[in-house]
Amino acid sequence: MVIKLHNFMRSSKLLTASVITVISSIIYLPGQEISYNYFFRVYFKDKGDINVEKYSPYSILSEKAVARRQKTGIPLLDISDIPVNTDYISQIASCGYKLHCTSKWMNSALFKTDSYADVYSLLDLPFVKKVLPVKYPSRKSYFQDKLEFLTEDGDLPLYDSPITMVEGYSLHNTGYEGQGILIALLDGGFLNTYHINSLNQLHYRKGIKATYDFVDMDEYVYSYHNHGTAVLSVLAGRIPGVITGTAPGADYLLIRTEDVSSEYPVEEDFWVAGAEFADSAGADIISSSLGYYYFDDPLLNYKFSQFDGNTIFITQAADVAASKGILVITSAGNERNKVWKHIIAPSDGDSVIAVGAVDADNIISAFSSPGPSADGRIKPDNVAMGVQIPVQAAADTVRRANGTSFSCPVISGMCACLMQAVPEATNTDIINYLRRSSDRFLTTPDSLYGYGLPDFRNALISLQESLLSKPENELILSPNPFTDDINITFKQAPGKLRLEIYTATGRLLSKRNFNSYTGRSLRIIDLRYAEQGIYIIRLAVDDRVLTHKVIKINR
């Protein structure tokens, strides 16, 4: 079978061979598709007789994923990283069930049939722990399409208010726009993405590194719905004076996990598969404007008591993703003015940043889901602008939209910039300093605003003071010799900074001016693809000029 995985080959070491093998093993051959109406989640008691030490991390994870775990200081592999036992899957498949996807984290598998089956007979198998029906034919609920969002025209509030409210330009103007950070978007589809002019720069630089649809098990995600497209525009969109994304320099994985044609717990299985895909690919951030509490069959609806951070399937998996070093950011939900009036899963996770929505005056929206979690923790964690925020979901048209779906990518994108600025910071560090920089942290954290609106300038300064050592001299430039990027650490934060890079013969290669520089670090990426040789770095720091010779060595 030949599978065309969008940009997988071009991004070389993004995915491991084992990940591609697992995906290809569950794709249908053309002409053999069957309408599967029944889905069952099967939990296993164990993973069989395995020895984790016999597995190579690089057989399961990409280099980027390994590097993230090394930075976080967690084991490269543990039992949760080992795939589900294939013999168990084969025995269930021999009973007439079709495998859709698996979860190594939850040690479960999702099977399907085209007609009703006595799935509980699987409990007779010695390795099966539990079986749950997670989708079956029923009447569509009165909740039509939860991803639908209304848009309107308007010029107020200002187009860049989502960024200015959180002091985001302090990072952008210092050169931090998320470069080198990989964000996984889990959503319901990315219709029109290649017709959106605000994403032209993203496409030009090939910033979409991979795509996958875990609903239909296919790499194509550019249909079904435009909700993910609008979310992506908040992150990566750029039209001067019209829309400015929070992380226009970041790279992206576009992953479809939501089936808008129905609402069932099976979508949690799709989400978990997408999160594991993101982990293996090396994602730094999972940004998900999705959530669950009600289903087409009311008997499956969650009770508020289950929103304790440890009970719901998708929430458990979101916390596992966080334990792998990924920063997981989700929408708190749009339920405050509806019947439910609570946060939605997986935003109840104790290691998940749940984002509520405020307007341009930092007033909580009428729809933003309130906390706390069922066990009394502060939720949402933070808020950002989600009222009349600029989005683009159709060609050549930027309009305004409302929802925590759009406040979530405001925080996700700015966190990517923060990660770029302080590469030593772990996901836990980001969560802690985001809270500390927020306007309600010391005084009035509550169930509407959480810790409040973050100040990313203060978060950056505090993170660097905590994690970035101060050199004895004015600055440290390393590594030298270098292969990819150069990192510069300043003893004191420069007020103004000019960077010039020359060849050994004196030819100017690049020049950048920073009129208002925030922080004490600078990552130079300009020579990443340069030829091997000697280069001159010239830095004008306030009233001083510093010159350094560096040596580029190709791999």
Protein backbone atom coordinates (compact mmCIF):
# COMPACT_ATOMS: atom_id res chain seq x y z
CA MET A 1 0.00 0.00 0.00
CA VAL A 2 1.23 3.51 -0.81
CA ILE A 3 0.21 6.27 1.57
CA LYS A 4 0.83 9.92 0.86
CA LEU A 5 1.50 11.65 4.13
CA HIS A 6 1.45 15.43 3.61
CA ASN A 7 4.97 16.80 3.99
CA PHE A 8 6.09 13.78 6.07
CA MET A 9 8.99 13.03 3.79
CA ARG A 10 9.91 16.67 3.39
CA SER A 11 10.14 17.03 7.14
CA SER A 12 12.49 14.02 7.23
CA LYS A 13 12.91 12.97 10.85
CA LEU A 14 9.53 14.23 12.01
CA LEU A 15 7.96 10.77 12.18
CA THR A 16 9.48 7.41 12.89
CA ALA A 17 9.05 4.40 10.65
CA SER A 18 7.00 2.66 13.32
CA VAL A 19 4.49 5.50 13.46
CA ILE A 20 3.96 5.38 9.69
CA THR A 21 3.65 1.59 9.85
CA VAL A 22 0.94 1.77 12.51
CA ILE A 23 -0.99 4.34 10.48
CA SER A 24 -0.72 2.43 7.22
CA SER A 25 -1.89 -0.78 8.84
CA ILE A 26 -5.28 0.75 9.59
CA ILE A 27 -6.01 2.55 6.33
CA TYR A 28 -8.57 0.95 4.05
CA LEU A 29 -7.82 -0.02 0.50
CA PRO A 30 -9.79 1.91 -2.16
CA GLY A 31 -13.00 0.17 -3.11
CA GLN A 32 -13.18 -1.80 0.14
CA GLU A 33 -14.72 0.81 2.42
CA ILE A 34 -17.63 -0.30 4.57
CA SER A 35 -20.05 1.83 6.55
CA TYR A 36 -19.16 1.14 10.18
CA ASN A 37 -21.93 2.14 12.56
CA TYR A 38 -20.78 0.57 15.83
CA PHE A 39 -17.56 1.47 17.65
CA PHE A 40 -16.22 -0.20 20.80
CA ARG A 41 -13.38 0.80 23.10
CA VAL A 42 -11.57 -2.23 24.45
CA TYR A 43 -9.26 -1.85 27.46
CA PHE A 44 -6.52 -4.42 27.96
CA LYS A 45 -5.22 -5.75 31.28
CA ASP A 46 -1.58 -5.49 30.24
CA LYS A 47 0.70 -5.27 27.21
CA GLY A 48 1.89 -8.83 27.43
CA ASP A 49 5.34 -10.04 28.34
CA ILE A 50 7.46 -7.05 27.31
CA ASN A 51 10.75 -5.50 28.33
CA VAL A 52 10.79 -1.74 27.84
CA GLU A 53 14.58 -1.71 27.79
CA LYS A 54 14.57 -3.74 24.57
CA TYR A 55 12.91 -0.89 22.69
CA SER A 56 14.94 1.87 21.10
CA PRO A 57 13.42 5.34 21.65
CA TYR A 58 14.04 6.16 18.00
CA SER A 59 11.92 3.20 16.88
CA ILE A 60 8.91 4.88 18.49
CA LEU A 61 9.72 8.59 18.72
CA SER A 62 11.16 11.21 16.40
CA GLU A 63 14.41 12.98 17.27
CA LYS A 64 12.42 16.05 18.25
CA ALA A 65 10.26 14.02 20.63
CA VAL A 66 13.35 12.48 22.23
CA ALA A 67 14.91 15.93 22.64
CA ARG A 68 11.77 17.24 24.34
CA ARG A 69 11.82 14.40 26.86
CA GLN A 70 15.51 14.88 27.51
CA LYS A 71 14.95 18.57 28.23
CA THR A 72 12.11 17.74 30.59
CA GLY A 73 14.17 15.14 32.40
CA ILE A 74 11.65 12.33 32.00
CA PRO A 75 12.43 8.76 30.88
CA LEU A 76 12.75 8.46 27.13
CA LEU A 77 10.45 5.45 27.23
CA ASP A 78 8.19 3.85 29.79
CA ILE A 79 5.47 1.24 29.60
CA SER A 80 2.93 3.80 28.33
CA ASP A 81 5.04 4.37 25.22
CA ILE A 82 5.03 0.73 24.18
CA PRO A 83 2.38 -0.10 21.54
CA VAL A 84 -0.67 -2.20 22.35
CA ASN A 85 -0.02 -5.92 22.08
CA THR A 86 -0.57 -6.93 18.45
CA ASP A 87 -1.54 -10.49 19.39
CA TYR A 88 -4.42 -9.12 21.46
CA ILE A 89 -5.57 -7.03 18.51
CA SER A 90 -5.33 -9.99 16.14
CA GLN A 91 -7.43 -12.22 18.39
CA ILE A 92 -10.19 -9.61 18.60
CA ALA A 93 -10.00 -8.99 14.85
CA SER A 94 -10.46 -12.74 14.28
CA CYS A 95 -13.81 -12.42 16.05
CA GLY A 96 -15.05 -10.14 13.28
CA TYR A 97 -14.07 -6.71 14.60
CA LYS A 98 -12.22 -4.13 12.49
CA LEU A 99 -9.44 -2.16 14.14
CA HIS A 100 -9.72 1.61 13.77
CA CYS A 101 -6.96 2.92 16.05
CA THR A 102 -5.18 2.18 19.30
CA SER A 103 -3.96 4.09 22.33
CA LYS A 104 -0.67 2.98 23.80
CA TRP A 105 -1.08 5.50 26.64
CA MET A 106 -4.48 4.17 27.70
CA ASN A 107 -3.68 0.57 26.64
CA SER A 108 -6.87 0.41 24.63
CA ALA A 109 -8.03 -0.17 21.08
CA LEU A 110 -10.98 1.11 19.09
CA PHE A 111 -12.81 -1.52 17.06
CA LYS A 112 -15.83 -1.20 14.77
CA THR A 113 -18.46 -3.30 13.07
CA ASP A 114 -21.03 -2.63 10.38
CA SER A 115 -23.85 -4.17 12.42
CA TYR A 116 -24.68 -4.90 16.03
CA ALA A 117 -22.40 -7.41 17.74
CA ASP A 118 -22.35 -8.97 21.18
CA VAL A 119 -19.19 -7.11 22.08
CA TYR A 120 -19.42 -8.11 25.74
CA SER A 121 -18.42 -11.63 24.75
CA LEU A 122 -14.94 -10.16 24.39
CA LEU A 123 -14.78 -10.05 28.18
CA ASP A 124 -14.24 -13.81 28.05
CA LEU A 125 -10.81 -13.19 26.54
CA PRO A 126 -8.23 -13.35 29.36
CA PHE A 127 -6.45 -10.14 28.33
CA VAL A 128 -9.56 -7.93 28.03
CA LYS A 129 -10.21 -5.67 31.03
CA LYS A 130 -13.27 -3.69 29.94
CA VAL A 131 -15.40 -3.01 26.85
CA LEU A 132 -17.39 0.18 26.25
CA PRO A 133 -19.69 0.99 23.31
CA VAL A 134 -18.61 4.48 22.23
CA LYS A 135 -20.74 4.98 19.11
CA TYR A 136 -23.85 3.39 17.67
CA PRO A 137 -26.83 4.51 15.55
CA SER A 138 -29.15 6.93 17.30
CA ARG A 139 -31.03 10.12 16.69
CA LYS A 140 -28.95 13.26 16.26
CA SER A 141 -29.12 15.39 19.40
CA TYR A 142 -30.68 18.84 19.40
CA PHE A 143 -27.15 20.21 19.71
CA GLN A 144 -26.52 20.58 16.01
CA ASP A 145 -22.93 21.43 15.11
CA LYS A 146 -20.96 22.48 18.16
CA LEU A 147 -18.14 23.80 15.95
CA GLU A 148 -20.36 26.27 14.11
CA PHE A 149 -19.39 29.87 14.79
CA LEU A 150 -20.99 33.09 13.63
CA THR A 151 -18.86 35.82 12.09
CA GLU A 152 -19.51 39.50 11.62
CA ASP A 153 -17.82 42.47 10.03
CA GLY A 154 -16.20 45.18 12.09
CA ASP A 155 -13.04 47.15 12.79
CA LEU A 156 -13.35 47.37 16.56
CA PRO A 157 -11.75 46.36 18.77
CA LEU A 158 -8.40 46.85 17.03
CA TYR A 159 -7.26 43.88 14.98
CA ASP A 160 -4.21 43.24 17.18
CA SER A 161 -5.96 43.59 20.54
CA PRO A 162 -5.56 39.85 21.31
CA ILE A 163 -1.78 40.39 21.25
CA THR A 164 -1.52 43.80 22.86
CA MET A 165 -3.73 42.72 25.78
CA VAL A 166 -1.21 40.06 26.81
CA GLU A 167 1.91 42.18 26.05
CA GLY A 168 2.63 39.89 23.12
CA TYR A 169 4.41 42.47 21.00
CA SER A 170 7.21 42.57 23.58
CA LEU A 171 8.08 39.08 22.36
CA HIS A 172 7.26 39.59 18.68
CA ASN A 173 9.33 42.77 18.45
CA THR A 174 12.24 40.93 20.02
CA GLY A 175 12.15 38.34 17.26
CA TYR A 176 10.16 35.66 19.04
CA GLU A 177 7.30 34.55 16.80
CA GLY A 178 7.41 30.84 17.61
CA GLN A 179 10.23 29.83 15.29
CA GLY A 180 11.39 26.29 15.95
CA ILE A 181 8.27 25.38 17.99
CA LEU A 182 5.92 22.67 16.72
CA ILE A 183 2.22 23.16 17.52
CA ALA A 184 -0.28 20.35 17.01
CA LEU A 185 -3.82 21.57 16.25
CA LEU A 186 -6.53 19.01 17.04
CA ASP A 187 -9.78 20.10 15.44
CA GLY A 188 -12.73 19.20 13.22
CA GLY A 189 -11.27 20.09 9.82
CA PHE A 190 -9.29 22.70 7.94
CA LEU A 191 -11.54 23.58 5.02
CA ASN A 192 -10.20 26.35 2.75
CA THR A 193 -6.79 26.44 4.46
CA TYR A 194 -5.00 26.62 1.11
CA HIS A 195 -7.28 29.45 -0.05
CA ILE A 196 -6.72 31.69 2.98
CA ASN A 197 -4.51 34.63 2.06
CA SER A 198 -3.56 35.35 5.67
CA LEU A 199 -1.81 31.95 5.66
CA ASN A 200 0.21 32.60 2.49
CA GLN A 201 3.45 33.01 4.40
CA LEU A 202 2.82 29.81 6.33
CA HIS A 203 2.39 27.89 3.09
CA TYR A 204 5.34 29.59 1.39
CA ARG A 205 7.75 28.54 4.11
CA LYS A 206 6.16 25.05 4.29
CA GLY A 207 5.24 25.52 7.92
CA ILE A 208 2.58 22.78 7.89
CA LYS A 209 4.79 19.81 8.67
CA ALA A 210 2.24 16.99 8.66
CA THR A 211 -1.48 16.31 8.57
CA TYR A 212 -3.67 13.40 9.56
CA ASP A 213 -7.36 12.63 9.91
CA PHE A 214 -8.07 10.11 12.67
CA VAL A 215 -11.79 10.08 11.94
CA ASP A 216 -11.46 8.73 8.40
CA MET A 217 -7.87 7.45 8.75
CA ASP A 218 -6.46 9.50 5.90
CA GLU A 219 -3.86 12.23 5.57
CA TYR A 220 -6.25 14.72 3.97
CA VAL A 221 -7.70 17.23 6.45
CA TYR A 222 -8.67 20.14 4.17
CA SER A 223 -12.41 19.54 4.15
CA TYR A 224 -15.22 18.68 6.61
CA HIS A 225 -15.19 21.99 8.52
CA ASN A 226 -13.57 25.43 8.63
CA HIS A 227 -13.37 25.67 12.43
CA GLY A 228 -9.74 24.50 12.45
CA THR A 229 -8.99 26.95 9.65
CA ALA A 230 -10.24 29.86 11.74
CA VAL A 231 -8.23 28.66 14.75
CA LEU A 232 -5.10 28.37 12.58
CA SER A 233 -5.60 31.93 11.35
CA VAL A 234 -5.50 33.19 14.96
CA LEU A 235 -2.16 31.44 15.35
CA ALA A 236 -0.44 31.91 12.00
CA GLY A 237 -2.47 34.47 10.03
CA ARG A 238 -0.74 37.61 8.86
CA ILE A 239 -2.17 40.51 6.84
CA PRO A 240 -0.72 43.90 7.88
CA GLY A 241 -3.35 46.01 9.59
CA VAL A 242 -5.97 43.27 9.37
CA ILE A 243 -4.91 40.15 11.29
CA THR A 244 -1.76 39.20 13.19
CA GLY A 245 -1.26 35.66 14.42
CA THR A 246 0.15 34.97 17.85
CA ALA A 247 2.76 32.51 16.51
CA PRO A 248 3.26 33.23 12.79
CA GLY A 249 6.75 31.72 12.88
CA ALA A 250 5.83 28.36 14.43
CA ASP A 251 5.43 25.05 12.60
CA TYR A 252 2.17 23.12 12.66
CA LEU A 253 0.65 19.65 12.65
CA LEU A 254 -2.97 19.72 11.47
CA ILE A 255 -4.89 16.80 12.95
CA ARG A 256 -8.60 16.09 12.50
CA THR A 257 -10.18 14.31 15.47
CA GLU A 258 -13.73 15.73 15.57
CA ASP A 259 -16.60 14.18 13.61
CA VAL A 260 -19.17 16.95 13.27
CA SER A 261 -21.80 14.56 11.87
CA SER A 262 -22.46 13.14 15.34
CA GLU A 263 -21.42 13.48 18.97
CA TYR A 264 -20.18 10.35 20.72
CA PRO A 265 -17.33 9.35 23.08
CA VAL A 266 -15.59 7.75 20.08
CA GLU A 267 -14.29 11.24 19.29
CA GLU A 268 -12.26 11.06 22.48
CA ASP A 269 -10.51 8.00 21.02
CA PHE A 270 -9.78 9.96 17.86
CA TRP A 271 -8.40 12.82 19.99
CA VAL A 272 -6.17 10.51 22.00
CA ALA A 273 -4.81 8.93 18.80
CA GLY A 274 -4.10 12.43 17.51
CA ALA A 275 -2.34 13.42 20.73
CA GLU A 276 -0.13 10.33 20.58
CA PHE A 277 0.66 11.14 16.95
CA ALA A 278 1.64 14.66 18.04
CA ASP A 279 3.84 13.28 20.81
CA SER A 280 5.69 10.90 18.50
CA ALA A 281 6.16 13.66 15.94
CA GLY A 282 7.79 15.89 18.55
CA ALA A 283 5.08 18.49 19.15
CA ASP A 284 5.92 21.05 21.82
CA ILE A 285 2.32 22.23 22.21
CA ILE A 286 -1.09 20.64 21.72
CA SER A 287 -3.73 23.30 21.10
CA SER A 288 -7.26 21.94 21.08
CA SER A 289 -10.43 24.00 20.76
CA LEU A 290 -12.59 20.94 21.38
CA GLY A 291 -14.38 19.54 24.38
CA TYR A 292 -16.96 17.01 25.56
CA TYR A 293 -19.75 16.60 28.08
CA TYR A 294 -22.94 15.67 26.15
CA PHE A 295 -23.62 13.10 23.42
CA ASP A 296 -26.32 12.12 20.95
CA ASP A 297 -27.42 9.41 23.37
CA PRO A 298 -28.11 11.22 26.68
CA LEU A 299 -27.33 8.01 28.58
CA LEU A 300 -23.68 8.61 27.71
CA ASN A 301 -23.58 12.20 28.98
CA TYR A 302 -21.01 13.01 31.64
CA LYS A 303 -21.91 14.10 35.15
CA PHE A 304 -20.17 17.10 36.64
CA SER A 305 -18.69 14.87 39.36
CA GLN A 306 -16.59 13.20 36.65
CA PHE A 307 -14.78 16.45 35.85
CA ASP A 308 -12.19 15.84 38.55
CA GLY A 309 -9.15 15.67 36.27
CA ASN A 310 -8.78 11.90 36.63
CA THR A 311 -11.92 10.20 35.34
CA ILE A 312 -12.84 11.08 31.75
CA PHE A 313 -10.92 9.20 29.04
CA ILE A 314 -9.78 12.26 27.09
CA THR A 315 -8.74 14.10 30.26
CA GLN A 316 -6.61 11.20 31.42
CA ALA A 317 -4.87 11.16 28.05
CA ALA A 318 -4.34 14.94 28.06
CA ASP A 319 -2.55 14.63 31.38
CA VAL A 320 -0.42 11.79 29.98
CA ALA A 321 0.53 14.09 27.08
CA ALA A 322 1.59 16.70 29.63
CA SER A 323 3.66 14.07 31.44
CA LYS A 324 5.58 13.58 28.16
CA GLY A 325 6.66 17.24 28.27
CA ILE A 326 3.96 18.62 25.95
CA LEU A 327 2.21 21.87 26.86
CA VAL A 328 -1.50 21.03 26.50
CA ILE A 329 -3.84 24.01 26.03
CA THR A 330 -7.58 23.65 25.54
CA SER A 331 -10.72 25.76 25.40
CA ALA A 332 -12.66 25.97 28.67
CA GLY A 333 -15.93 25.83 26.70
CA ASN A 334 -18.81 28.13 25.74
CA GLU A 335 -21.40 26.84 28.21
CA ARG A 336 -21.88 29.52 30.90
CA ASN A 337 -25.07 30.88 29.34
CA LYS A 338 -26.39 27.42 28.45
CA VAL A 339 -27.80 24.46 30.37
CA TRP A 340 -24.45 22.86 31.26
CA LYS A 341 -22.73 25.94 32.80
CA HIS A 342 -19.40 24.18 33.47
CA ILE A 343 -16.02 23.56 31.87
CA ILE A 344 -15.72 20.72 29.36
CA ALA A 345 -13.26 17.84 29.07
CA PRO A 346 -10.28 17.75 28.77
CA SER A 347 -9.96 21.24 30.26
CA ASP A 348 -10.47 19.75 33.74
CA GLY A 349 -7.04 18.10 33.57
CA ASP A 350 -4.70 19.18 36.36
CA SER A 351 -1.82 19.56 33.90
CA VAL A 352 -3.92 21.22 31.19
CA ILE A 353 -4.21 24.97 30.61
CA ALA A 354 -7.93 25.71 30.24
CA VAL A 355 -8.55 29.07 28.53
CA GLY A 356 -11.62 31.24 29.05
CA ALA A 357 -12.67 34.22 26.93
CA VAL A 358 -12.78 37.94 27.72
CA ASP A 359 -13.56 40.94 25.56
CA ALA A 360 -11.15 43.73 24.64
CA ASP A 361 -11.83 45.41 28.00
CA ASN A 362 -10.87 42.23 29.87
CA ILE A 363 -14.47 41.55 30.90
CA ILE A 364 -15.43 37.89 31.00
CA SER A 365 -17.78 36.88 28.18
CA ALA A 366 -21.31 35.70 28.84
CA PHE A 367 -20.52 32.33 27.24
CA SER A 368 -17.11 31.47 28.74
CA SER A 369 -17.42 28.28 30.80
CA PRO A 370 -16.76 28.74 34.51
CA GLY A 371 -15.00 26.48 36.96
CA PRO A 372 -14.06 25.16 39.31
CA SER A 373 -13.32 21.53 38.50
CA ALA A 374 -15.39 18.93 40.33
CA ASP A 375 -12.61 18.51 42.90
CA GLY A 376 -12.44 22.25 43.57
CA ARG A 377 -9.38 23.31 41.55
CA ILE A 378 -9.25 26.74 39.92
CA LYS A 379 -10.52 26.55 36.36
CA PRO A 380 -10.20 28.07 33.83
CA ASP A 381 -6.49 28.61 34.29
CA ASN A 382 -6.19 31.76 32.19
CA VAL A 383 -8.24 34.00 29.93
CA ALA A 384 -7.52 35.79 26.66
CA MET A 385 -9.52 37.76 24.15
CA GLY A 386 -12.25 35.62 22.59
CA VAL A 387 -14.90 38.22 21.78
CA GLN A 388 -14.95 39.80 18.31
CA ILE A 389 -11.52 38.40 17.54
CA PRO A 390 -10.28 38.55 13.91
CA VAL A 391 -10.40 35.16 12.15
CA GLN A 392 -10.24 34.02 8.57
CA ALA A 393 -12.16 30.95 7.48
CA ALA A 394 -12.96 31.93 3.88
CA ALA A 395 -10.81 33.25 1.05
CA ASP A 396 -10.02 36.98 1.13
CA THR A 397 -12.40 37.63 4.04
CA VAL A 398 -11.26 38.39 7.59
CA ARG A 399 -14.19 38.73 9.97
CA ARG A 400 -14.87 38.75 13.71
CA ALA A 401 -15.87 35.72 15.77
CA ASN A 402 -16.58 34.77 19.38
CA GLY A 403 -15.64 31.73 21.43
CA THR A 404 -13.11 30.12 23.73
CA SER A 405 -12.16 28.27 20.54
CA PHE A 406 -10.32 31.48 19.61
CA SER A 407 -9.02 32.60 23.01
CA CYS A 408 -7.29 29.20 23.25
CA PRO A 409 -4.96 29.78 20.22
CA VAL A 410 -4.13 33.26 21.53
CA ILE A 411 -2.55 31.65 24.59
CA SER A 412 -1.13 28.69 22.61
CA GLY A 413 0.65 30.94 20.14
CA MET A 414 2.10 33.27 22.74
CA CYS A 415 3.31 30.25 24.73
CA ALA A 416 5.14 29.10 21.59
CA CYS A 417 6.91 32.48 21.49
CA LEU A 418 7.77 32.09 25.17
CA MET A 419 9.19 28.61 24.53
CA GLN A 420 11.33 29.96 21.74
CA ALA A 421 12.60 32.77 23.97
CA VAL A 422 13.41 30.44 26.89
CA PRO A 423 14.25 27.06 25.36
CA GLU A 424 15.28 25.72 28.78
CA ALA A 425 11.72 26.10 30.06
CA THR A 426 9.63 22.95 30.44
CA ASN A 427 5.87 22.79 30.00
CA THR A 428 5.50 22.93 33.78
CA ASP A 429 7.65 26.05 33.94
CA ILE A 430 5.45 27.72 31.32
CA ILE A 431 2.27 26.88 33.26
CA ASN A 432 3.69 28.18 36.55
CA TYR A 433 5.04 31.45 35.19
CA LEU A 434 1.96 32.05 33.10
CA ARG A 435 -0.06 31.97 36.29
CA ARG A 436 2.38 34.17 38.18
CA SER A 437 2.32 36.79 35.44
CA SER A 438 -1.48 36.94 35.36
CA ASP A 439 -3.46 39.86 36.73
CA ARG A 440 -5.42 37.88 39.34
CA PHE A 441 -2.67 35.57 40.59
CA LEU A 442 -1.96 37.39 43.86
CA THR A 443 -5.37 38.80 44.61
CA THR A 444 -8.54 37.32 43.16
CA PRO A 445 -8.18 34.04 41.20
CA ASP A 446 -11.72 32.76 40.75
CA SER A 447 -14.01 30.45 38.80
CA LEU A 448 -14.63 32.89 35.94
CA TYR A 449 -11.20 34.33 35.11
CA GLY A 450 -9.01 31.72 36.79
CA TYR A 451 -5.63 33.37 37.36
CA GLY A 452 -6.62 35.96 34.80
CA LEU A 453 -5.05 37.64 31.80
CA PRO A 454 -1.32 36.83 31.49
CA ASP A 455 1.43 39.36 30.79
CA PHE A 456 3.88 37.56 28.51
CA ARG A 457 6.56 40.23 28.89
CA ASN A 458 6.65 39.66 32.64
CA ALA A 459 6.49 35.90 32.13
CA LEU A 460 9.53 36.07 29.83
CA ILE A 461 11.56 38.22 32.20
CA SER A 462 10.70 36.04 35.20
CA LEU A 463 11.43 32.80 33.36
CA GLN A 464 14.82 34.04 32.21
CA GLU A 465 15.72 35.29 35.68
CA SER A 466 14.86 31.84 37.02
CA LEU A 467 16.35 29.61 34.34
CA LEU A 468 18.94 31.65 32.43
CA SER A 469 22.35 32.00 34.05
CA LYS A 470 24.08 35.38 33.92
CA PRO A 471 27.46 35.41 32.18
CA GLU A 472 30.42 37.04 33.92
CA ASN A 473 31.13 39.14 30.83
CA GLU A 474 28.66 41.12 28.74
CA LEU A 475 27.47 38.06 26.85
CA ILE A 476 28.06 34.41 26.05
CA LEU A 477 27.80 33.17 22.46
CA SER A 478 27.46 29.42 22.01
CA PRO A 479 27.98 26.93 20.62
CA ASN A 480 31.05 27.87 18.67
CA PRO A 481 31.72 26.03 16.38
CA PHE A 482 28.00 25.54 15.58
CA THR A 483 25.92 23.44 13.18
CA ASP A 484 22.40 24.96 13.25
CA ASP A 485 21.69 27.94 15.50
CA ILE A 486 23.67 30.25 17.76
CA ASN A 487 22.43 31.26 21.20
CA ILE A 488 23.48 34.52 22.81
CA THR A 489 22.92 35.17 26.52
CA PHE A 490 23.32 38.74 27.75
CA LYS A 491 24.33 39.72 31.27
CA GLN A 492 21.83 42.58 31.20
CA ALA A 493 18.78 42.94 28.97
CA PRO A 494 19.65 45.28 26.10
CA GLY A 495 17.34 48.22 25.56
CA LYS A 496 18.14 48.42 21.86
CA LEU A 497 19.89 45.85 19.72
CA ARG A 498 21.16 45.63 16.16
CA LEU A 499 22.38 42.34 14.71
CA GLU A 500 24.56 42.13 11.61
CA ILE A 501 26.01 38.96 10.10
CA TYR A 502 28.92 39.05 7.62
CA THR A 503 30.91 36.51 5.67
CA ALA A 504 34.63 36.23 6.36
CA THR A 505 35.22 38.50 3.33
CA GLY A 506 32.99 41.24 4.76
CA ARG A 507 29.81 40.72 2.71
CA LEU A 508 26.66 41.57 4.69
CA LEU A 509 24.32 38.55 4.87
CA SER A 510 21.57 39.81 7.16
CA LYS A 511 20.67 42.70 9.42
CA ARG A 512 18.01 43.12 12.08
CA ASN A 513 17.12 46.02 14.36
CA PHE A 514 15.32 45.66 17.68
CA ASN A 515 14.23 49.06 18.96
CA SER A 516 12.76 47.64 22.14
CA TYR A 517 14.36 44.38 23.21
CA THR A 518 12.81 42.18 25.89
CA GLY A 519 14.80 39.53 27.72
CA ARG A 520 18.40 38.45 27.91
CA SER A 521 18.67 35.88 25.14
CA LEU A 522 18.88 35.89 21.37
CA ARG A 523 18.75 32.89 19.07
CA ILE A 524 20.37 33.45 15.69
CA ILE A 525 18.83 31.20 13.05
CA ASP A 526 20.11 33.10 10.01
CA LEU A 527 23.01 30.71 9.37
CA ARG A 528 21.09 27.47 9.79
CA TYR A 529 21.38 26.65 6.08
CA ALA A 530 24.59 28.53 5.35
CA GLU A 531 27.69 26.90 3.92
CA GLN A 532 30.45 25.68 6.19
CA GLY A 533 32.95 28.38 7.02
CA ILE A 534 33.78 31.45 9.12
CA TYR A 535 31.25 34.22 9.79
CA ILE A 536 31.31 37.49 11.72
CA ILE A 537 28.55 38.38 14.21
CA ARG A 538 28.34 42.10 14.94
CA LEU A 539 26.10 43.27 17.78
CA ALA A 540 25.32 46.89 18.56
CA VAL A 541 24.04 46.76 22.14
CA ASP A 542 22.81 50.15 23.34
CA ASP A 543 25.96 52.30 22.92
CA ARG A 544 28.46 49.45 22.49
CA VAL A 545 29.54 47.39 19.47
CA LEU A 546 30.61 43.77 20.03
CA THR A 547 32.12 41.57 17.32
CA HIS A 548 32.50 37.78 17.40
CA LYS A 549 33.96 35.30 14.93
CA VAL A 550 31.97 32.04 14.62
CA ILE A 551 32.64 28.82 12.75
CA LYS A 552 29.90 26.91 10.94
CA ILE A 553 30.37 23.15 10.63
CA ASN A 554 27.88 21.20 8.54
CA ARG A 555 26.58 17.88 9.77
